C-alpha atoms as a PDB file:
ATOM      1  CA  MET A   1     100.399  75.064 105.615  1.00  0.00           C
ATOM      2  CA  SER A   2      99.468  77.346 108.166  1.00  0.00           C
ATOM      3  CA  SER A   3      97.181  76.762 111.227  1.00  0.00           C
ATOM      4  CA  ASP A   4      94.414  79.005 109.878  1.00  0.00           C
ATOM      5  CA  LEU A   5      94.011  77.211 107.096  1.00  0.00           C
ATOM      6  CA  LEU A   6      94.059  73.980 108.604  1.00  0.00           C
ATOM      7  CA  PHE A   7      91.131  75.189 110.655  1.00  0.00           C
ATOM      8  CA  GLN A   8      89.556  76.106 107.700  1.00  0.00           C
ATOM      9  CA  ASN A   9      89.918  72.728 106.417  1.00  0.00           C
ATOM     10  CA  GLN A  10      88.178  71.182 109.475  1.00  0.00           C
ATOM     11  CA  THR A  11      85.031  71.686 107.785  1.00  0.00           C
ATOM     12  CA  GLN A  12      85.778  69.316 104.925  1.00  0.00           C
ATOM     13  CA  PHE A  13      87.340  66.724 107.216  1.00  0.00           C
ATOM     14  CA  ASN A  14      85.267  64.718 109.912  1.00  0.00           C
ATOM     15  CA  PHE A  15      87.524  64.687 112.896  1.00  0.00           C
ATOM     16  CA  GLU A  16      84.763  63.412 115.048  1.00  0.00           C
ATOM     17  CA  GLU A  17      84.117  60.454 112.786  1.00  0.00           C
ATOM     18  CA  PHE A  18      88.123  60.105 112.354  1.00  0.00           C
ATOM     19  CA  PHE A  19      88.887  59.904 115.823  1.00  0.00           C
ATOM     20  CA  MET A  20      86.114  56.903 116.709  1.00  0.00           C
ATOM     21  CA  PRO A  21      88.337  53.882 115.732  1.00  0.00           C
ATOM     22  CA  TYR A  22      90.929  55.416 117.680  1.00  0.00           C
ATOM     23  CA  ASP A  23      88.964  55.983 120.914  1.00  0.00           C
ATOM     24  CA  LEU A  24      87.775  52.343 120.378  1.00  0.00           C
ATOM     25  CA  ALA A  25      91.619  51.136 120.642  1.00  0.00           C
ATOM     26  CA  VAL A  26      92.590  52.658 123.239  1.00  0.00           C
ATOM     27  CA  GLN A  27      89.597  51.768 125.729  1.00  0.00           C
ATOM     28  CA  THR A  28      89.673  48.300 124.140  1.00  0.00           C
ATOM     29  CA  PHE A  29      93.402  47.922 124.890  1.00  0.00           C
ATOM     30  CA  ILE A  30      93.204  49.062 128.348  1.00  0.00           C
ATOM     31  CA  ILE A  31      90.945  46.850 129.523  1.00  0.00           C
ATOM     32  CA  LYS A  32      92.819  43.798 127.670  1.00  0.00           C
ATOM     33  CA  LEU A  33      95.932  45.041 129.637  1.00  0.00           C
ATOM     34  CA  GLU A  34      94.031  45.494 132.912  1.00  0.00           C
ATOM     35  CA  GLY A  35      92.961  42.093 132.496  1.00  0.00           C
ATOM     36  CA  ILE A  36      96.499  40.382 132.083  1.00  0.00           C
ATOM     37  CA  ARG A  37      97.321  42.626 134.980  1.00  0.00           C
ATOM     38  CA  GLN A  38      94.622  40.801 137.292  1.00  0.00           C
ATOM     39  CA  GLN A  39      95.329  37.525 136.062  1.00  0.00           C
ATOM     40  CA  TYR A  40      99.098  37.769 137.547  1.00  0.00           C
ATOM     41  CA  ARG A  41      97.654  39.070 140.845  1.00  0.00           C
ATOM     42  CA  LYS A  42      95.103  36.240 141.001  1.00  0.00           C
ATOM     43  CA  LYS A  43      97.915  33.578 140.343  1.00  0.00           C
ATOM     44  CA  GLY A  44      99.643  35.458 143.094  1.00  0.00           C
ATOM     45  CA  LEU A  45     102.414  36.290 140.272  1.00  0.00           C
ATOM     46  CA  HIS A  46     104.430  39.535 140.120  1.00  0.00           C
ATOM     47  CA  SER A  47     102.655  41.393 137.387  1.00  0.00           C
ATOM     48  CA  PRO A  48     104.942  43.211 134.822  1.00  0.00           C
ATOM     49  CA  ILE A  49     102.192  45.665 134.177  1.00  0.00           C
ATOM     50  CA  GLU A  50     101.718  47.853 137.414  1.00  0.00           C
ATOM     51  CA  SER A  51      99.277  50.382 135.648  1.00  0.00           C
ATOM     52  CA  VAL A  52      97.663  51.416 132.334  1.00  0.00           C
ATOM     53  CA  THR A  53      96.709  54.534 130.949  1.00  0.00           C
ATOM     54  CA  GLY A  54      95.733  55.882 127.597  1.00  0.00           C
ATOM     55  CA  ARG A  55      94.707  59.025 125.254  1.00  0.00           C
ATOM     56  CA  VAL A  56      93.680  60.111 121.919  1.00  0.00           C
ATOM     57  CA  LYS A  57      95.715  63.313 120.567  1.00  0.00           C
ATOM     58  CA  SER A  58      93.254  66.455 120.874  1.00  0.00           C
ATOM     59  CA  CYS A  59      92.022  67.780 117.495  1.00  0.00           C
ATOM     60  CA  GLN A  60      94.405  71.028 118.200  1.00  0.00           C
ATOM     61  CA  SER A  61      97.667  68.623 118.833  1.00  0.00           C
ATOM     62  CA  ILE A  62      97.053  67.116 115.650  1.00  0.00           C
ATOM     63  CA  ILE A  63      96.479  70.334 113.760  1.00  0.00           C
ATOM     64  CA  ASP A  64      99.790  71.525 115.204  1.00  0.00           C
ATOM     65  CA  LYS A  65     101.472  68.513 114.255  1.00  0.00           C
ATOM     66  CA  ILE A  66     100.597  68.376 110.662  1.00  0.00           C
ATOM     67  CA  GLY A  67     101.254  71.786 110.596  1.00  0.00           C
ATOM     68  CA  LEU A  68     104.819  71.593 111.174  1.00  0.00           C
ATOM     69  CA  GLU A  69     105.461  68.335 109.416  1.00  0.00           C
ATOM     70  CA  ASN A  70     103.233  69.582 106.673  1.00  0.00           C
ATOM     71  CA  ILE A  71     101.013  66.386 106.354  1.00  0.00           C
ATOM     72  CA  ASN A  72      98.127  66.154 104.392  1.00  0.00           C
ATOM     73  CA  LEU A  73      94.589  65.814 106.077  1.00  0.00           C
ATOM     74  CA  GLN A  74      93.844  62.733 104.130  1.00  0.00           C
ATOM     75  CA  ASN A  75      96.610  60.853 105.347  1.00  0.00           C
ATOM     76  CA  LEU A  76      96.556  61.246 109.205  1.00  0.00           C
ATOM     77  CA  GLU A  77      96.488  57.621 109.376  1.00  0.00           C
ATOM     78  CA  ALA A  78     100.540  57.881 108.750  1.00  0.00           C
ATOM     79  CA  LEU A  79     100.895  59.291 112.427  1.00  0.00           C
ATOM     80  CA  TYR A  80     101.820  56.860 114.917  1.00  0.00           C
ATOM     81  CA  ASP A  81     101.044  58.677 117.853  1.00  0.00           C
ATOM     82  CA  ILE A  82      97.354  59.399 117.332  1.00  0.00           C
ATOM     83  CA  ALA A  83      96.349  56.532 119.998  1.00  0.00           C
ATOM     84  CA  GLY A  84      98.496  55.840 122.822  1.00  0.00           C
ATOM     85  CA  ILE A  85      98.988  53.344 125.446  1.00  0.00           C
ATOM     86  CA  ARG A  86     101.143  53.795 128.406  1.00  0.00           C
ATOM     87  CA  ILE A  87     102.360  51.206 130.505  1.00  0.00           C
ATOM     88  CA  LEU A  88     104.045  51.606 133.704  1.00  0.00           C
ATOM     89  CA  CYS A  89     105.962  49.200 135.670  1.00  0.00           C
ATOM     90  CA  LYS A  90     107.903  48.624 138.641  1.00  0.00           C
ATOM     91  CA  TYR A  91     111.343  47.546 137.719  1.00  0.00           C
ATOM     92  CA  VAL A  92     113.303  48.172 134.596  1.00  0.00           C
ATOM     93  CA  ASP A  93     113.563  44.129 133.866  1.00  0.00           C
ATOM     94  CA  ASP A  94     109.433  44.481 133.448  1.00  0.00           C
ATOM     95  CA  ILE A  95     109.726  46.549 130.578  1.00  0.00           C
ATOM     96  CA  ALA A  96     111.446  43.845 127.849  1.00  0.00           C
ATOM     97  CA  VAL A  97     108.697  41.428 129.409  1.00  0.00           C
ATOM     98  CA  VAL A  98     105.814  43.742 128.461  1.00  0.00           C
ATOM     99  CA  ALA A  99     107.597  44.588 125.306  1.00  0.00           C
ATOM    100  CA  GLU A 100     107.839  40.937 124.202  1.00  0.00           C
ATOM    101  CA  MET A 101     103.996  40.346 125.442  1.00  0.00           C
ATOM    102  CA  LEU A 102     103.091  42.609 122.707  1.00  0.00           C
ATOM    103  CA  ARG A 103     105.094  41.491 120.408  1.00  0.00           C
ATOM    104  CA  ASN A 104     103.718  38.119 120.760  1.00  0.00           C
ATOM    105  CA  ARG A 105     100.078  39.053 120.595  1.00  0.00           C
ATOM    106  CA  ARG A 106      98.149  37.788 117.595  1.00  0.00           C
ATOM    107  CA  ASP A 107      95.984  41.143 117.286  1.00  0.00           C
ATOM    108  CA  VAL A 108      99.161  43.497 117.313  1.00  0.00           C
ATOM    109  CA  ASP A 109     101.559  44.049 114.418  1.00  0.00           C
ATOM    110  CA  VAL A 110     104.878  45.889 115.867  1.00  0.00           C
ATOM    111  CA  ILE A 111     106.148  47.990 112.789  1.00  0.00           C
ATOM    112  CA  LYS A 112     108.795  50.095 114.807  1.00  0.00           C
ATOM    113  CA  GLU A 113     110.466  50.128 117.866  1.00  0.00           C
ATOM    114  CA  LYS A 114     112.534  52.572 120.016  1.00  0.00           C
ATOM    115  CA  ASP A 115     114.583  51.798 122.793  1.00  0.00           C
ATOM    116  CA  TYR A 116     115.089  55.029 124.879  1.00  0.00           C
ATOM    117  CA  VAL A 117     115.629  52.787 128.092  1.00  0.00           C
ATOM    118  CA  HIS A 118     119.197  51.665 126.820  1.00  0.00           C
ATOM    119  CA  ASN A 119     119.573  54.623 124.366  1.00  0.00           C
ATOM    120  CA  SER A 120     118.041  57.437 126.197  1.00  0.00           C
ATOM    121  CA  LYS A 121     117.655  61.046 124.502  1.00  0.00           C
ATOM    122  CA  SER A 122     120.189  64.003 125.159  1.00  0.00           C
ATOM    123  CA  SER A 123     117.538  65.347 127.381  1.00  0.00           C
ATOM    124  CA  GLY A 124     117.717  62.135 129.659  1.00  0.00           C
ATOM    125  CA  TYR A 125     114.266  61.041 128.373  1.00  0.00           C
ATOM    126  CA  ARG A 126     114.004  57.218 128.660  1.00  0.00           C
ATOM    127  CA  SER A 127     111.026  54.774 127.627  1.00  0.00           C
ATOM    128  CA  TYR A 128     110.336  52.016 125.121  1.00  0.00           C
ATOM    129  CA  HIS A 129     108.350  52.765 122.523  1.00  0.00           C
ATOM    130  CA  LEU A 130     106.562  50.327 120.351  1.00  0.00           C
ATOM    131  CA  MET A 131     104.274  51.640 116.959  1.00  0.00           C
ATOM    132  CA  SER A 132     101.726  49.387 116.161  1.00  0.00           C
ATOM    133  CA  ASN A 133      98.893  48.357 113.835  1.00  0.00           C
ATOM    134  CA  TYR A 134      95.695  47.314 115.219  1.00  0.00           C
ATOM    135  CA  LEU A 135      92.539  46.402 113.557  1.00  0.00           C
ATOM    136  CA  VAL A 136      89.168  47.688 115.208  1.00  0.00           C
ATOM    137  CA  GLU A 137      85.842  46.266 114.987  1.00  0.00           C
ATOM    138  CA  THR A 138      83.387  48.958 114.066  1.00  0.00           C
ATOM    139  CA  ILE A 139      79.557  49.088 112.456  1.00  0.00           C
ATOM    140  CA  ASP A 140      81.556  50.072 109.716  1.00  0.00           C
ATOM    141  CA  GLY A 141      83.564  46.894 109.274  1.00  0.00           C
ATOM    142  CA  VAL A 142      87.099  46.806 110.327  1.00  0.00           C
ATOM    143  CA  LYS A 143      89.440  49.528 110.531  1.00  0.00           C
ATOM    144  CA  PRO A 144      92.952  49.391 110.675  1.00  0.00           C
ATOM    145  CA  VAL A 145      94.549  52.289 112.908  1.00  0.00           C
ATOM    146  CA  ARG A 146      98.133  52.510 114.642  1.00  0.00           C
ATOM    147  CA  ILE A 147      98.981  52.671 118.204  1.00  0.00           C
ATOM    148  CA  GLU A 148     101.723  53.849 120.280  1.00  0.00           C
ATOM    149  CA  PHE A 149     102.538  51.736 123.294  1.00  0.00           C
ATOM    150  CA  GLN A 150     105.049  53.610 125.683  1.00  0.00           C
ATOM    151  CA  ILE A 151     106.458  51.376 128.319  1.00  0.00           C
ATOM    152  CA  ARG A 152     108.335  52.875 131.433  1.00  0.00           C
ATOM    153  CA  THR A 153     109.201  52.711 135.054  1.00  0.00           C
ATOM    154  CA  HIS A 154     107.303  55.022 137.772  1.00  0.00           C
ATOM    155  CA  ALA A 155     110.855  56.722 137.715  1.00  0.00           C
ATOM    156  CA  MET A 156     111.051  57.293 134.287  1.00  0.00           C
ATOM    157  CA  HIS A 157     107.473  58.476 134.053  1.00  0.00           C
ATOM    158  CA  LEU A 158     107.798  60.928 136.642  1.00  0.00           C
ATOM    159  CA  TRP A 159     110.950  62.613 135.218  1.00  0.00           C
ATOM    160  CA  ALA A 160     108.863  62.605 131.640  1.00  0.00           C
ATOM    161  CA  THR A 161     106.063  64.463 133.410  1.00  0.00           C
ATOM    162  CA  VAL A 162     108.089  67.195 134.927  1.00  0.00           C
ATOM    163  CA  GLU A 163     109.932  67.670 131.513  1.00  0.00           C
ATOM    164  CA  HIS A 164     106.702  67.793 129.486  1.00  0.00           C
ATOM    165  CA  ARG A 165     105.323  70.637 131.727  1.00  0.00           C
ATOM    166  CA  LEU A 166     108.570  72.792 131.739  1.00  0.00           C
ATOM    167  CA  LYS A 167     108.598  72.354 128.093  1.00  0.00           C
ATOM    168  CA  TYR A 168     104.898  73.562 128.000  1.00  0.00           C
ATOM    169  CA  LYS A 169     105.865  76.230 130.694  1.00  0.00           C
ATOM    170  CA  TYR A 170     108.763  77.727 128.464  1.00  0.00           C
ATOM    171  CA  LYS A 171     106.975  76.948 125.227  1.00  0.00           C
ATOM    172  CA  GLY A 172     109.371  74.146 124.381  1.00  0.00           C
ATOM    173  CA  GLU A 173     112.786  76.302 124.836  1.00  0.00           C
ATOM    174  CA  ILE A 174     113.628  75.024 128.493  1.00  0.00           C
ATOM    175  CA  PRO A 175     116.322  77.318 129.718  1.00  0.00           C
ATOM    176  CA  PRO A 176     119.862  75.449 129.333  1.00  0.00           C
ATOM    177  CA  GLU A 177     120.573  75.700 133.409  1.00  0.00           C
ATOM    178  CA  ILE A 178     117.271  73.965 133.844  1.00  0.00           C
ATOM    179  CA  ARG A 179     117.710  71.264 131.337  1.00  0.00           C
ATOM    180  CA  GLU A 180     121.402  70.484 133.181  1.00  0.00           C
ATOM    181  CA  ARG A 181     119.250  69.806 136.179  1.00  0.00           C
ATOM    182  CA  LEU A 182     117.000  67.805 134.388  1.00  0.00           C
ATOM    183  CA  VAL A 183     119.800  65.719 132.671  1.00  0.00           C
ATOM    184  CA  ARG A 184     121.297  65.248 136.600  1.00  0.00           C
ATOM    185  CA  ALA A 185     117.403  64.420 137.674  1.00  0.00           C
ATOM    186  CA  ALA A 186     117.434  61.632 134.812  1.00  0.00           C
ATOM    187  CA  SER A 187     120.853  60.278 135.894  1.00  0.00           C
ATOM    188  CA  ALA A 188     119.061  59.778 139.236  1.00  0.00           C
ATOM    189  CA  THR A 189     116.137  58.048 137.884  1.00  0.00           C
ATOM    190  CA  VAL A 190     118.826  55.518 136.320  1.00  0.00           C
ATOM    191  CA  SER A 191     120.443  54.807 139.774  1.00  0.00           C
ATOM    192  CA  LEU A 192     116.856  54.497 141.672  1.00  0.00           C
ATOM    193  CA  ASP A 193     115.663  51.686 139.163  1.00  0.00           C
ATOM    194  CA  GLU A 194     119.119  49.679 139.201  1.00  0.00           C
ATOM    195  CA  GLU A 195     118.975  49.704 143.167  1.00  0.00           C
ATOM    196  CA  LEU A 196     115.320  48.808 143.233  1.00  0.00           C
ATOM    197  CA  SER A 197     116.012  45.909 140.752  1.00  0.00           C
ATOM    198  CA  ALA A 198     119.324  45.131 142.908  1.00  0.00           C
ATOM    199  CA  ILE A 199     116.740  44.813 145.814  1.00  0.00           C
ATOM    200  CA  LYS A 200     113.983  42.667 143.941  1.00  0.00           C
ATOM    201  CA  ASN A 201     116.930  40.364 143.035  1.00  0.00           C
ATOM    202  CA  GLU A 202     118.100  39.930 146.329  1.00  0.00           C
ATOM    203  CA  ILE A 203     114.601  39.636 147.828  1.00  0.00           C
ATOM    204  CA  GLU A 204     114.043  36.882 145.081  1.00  0.00           C
ATOM    205  CA  GLU A 205     117.252  34.916 145.976  1.00  0.00           C
ATOM    206  CA  ALA A 206     116.418  34.742 149.692  1.00  0.00           C
ATOM    207  CA  ARG A 207     112.832  33.783 148.803  1.00  0.00           C
ATOM    208  CA  SER A 208     114.442  30.771 146.521  1.00  0.00           C
ATOM    209  CA  GLU A 209     116.675  29.595 149.201  1.00  0.00           C
ATOM    210  CA  PHE A 210     114.282  29.742 152.060  1.00  0.00           C
ATOM    211  CA  THR A 211     111.613  27.910 149.521  1.00  0.00           C
ATOM    212  CA  ALA A 212     115.237  25.268 149.571  1.00  0.00           C
ATOM    213  CA  ASN A 213     115.946  25.173 152.799  1.00  0.00           C
ATOM    214  CA  ARG A 214     112.334  24.406 153.992  1.00  0.00           C
ATOM    215  CA  GLY A 215     112.104  21.885 151.411  1.00  0.00           C
ATOM    216  CA  SER A 216     115.106  20.068 152.627  1.00  0.00           C
ATOM    217  CA  ILE A 217     113.849  20.307 156.485  1.00  0.00           C
ATOM    218  CA  CYS A 218     110.445  18.459 155.053  1.00  0.00           C
ATOM    219  CA  ASP A 219     112.220  15.836 153.242  1.00  0.00           C
ATOM    220  CA  LEU A 220     114.641  15.060 156.115  1.00  0.00           C
ATOM    221  CA  MET A 221     111.451  15.027 158.875  1.00  0.00           C
ATOM    222  CA  HIS A 222     109.595  12.872 156.474  1.00  0.00           C
ATOM    223  CA  TRP A 223     112.952  10.224 156.214  1.00  0.00           C
ATOM    224  CA  ASN A 224     113.188  10.076 159.889  1.00  0.00           C
ATOM    225  CA  TYR A 225     109.764   9.683 160.265  1.00  0.00           C
END
């Protein structure tokens, strides 16, 4: 179906009404995940969630996508990524924690997962995706929508942002020499994530050892007293 025909069909399809539950889903989930992050912080614990953002695809983006994939306007609910939640983590290990957190939620039904963290794309892209069903309460009743969660580290996100801008600049056809540099940059982000995780583990081991030694000293002082 051509883009011109799709634009003509907009007069018969209420995009504003269609988008409303997706907007509600994104806004609601940002608040929920921010609440979880604050709970970790208030308890003095490391939060696996560093920051949360969300977006609903624009009308033009959806029209472009259904034009390419030949999807009927009446079946837009089949698209997984109309509503998107992006969760940034400080460390790679946090990604698995957040993914498990989402799987265990009662208000989310995870129906598909893609692990691009351990199985990166040939381009170098790394991230963890969970496609989920979520029930939104509206004035017209409960509306099921699909949300795609993307979980990644700051290093992964920086790389993905650069790649996205280059795709836009070159209209999807990134020159081979730049693609090669992106692959090398992706390898650098892997090394960065691994090094930061190693540093974190060393800090935690040192903290545990210090706590254990302090406890032993206190016990000894109490015994002598």
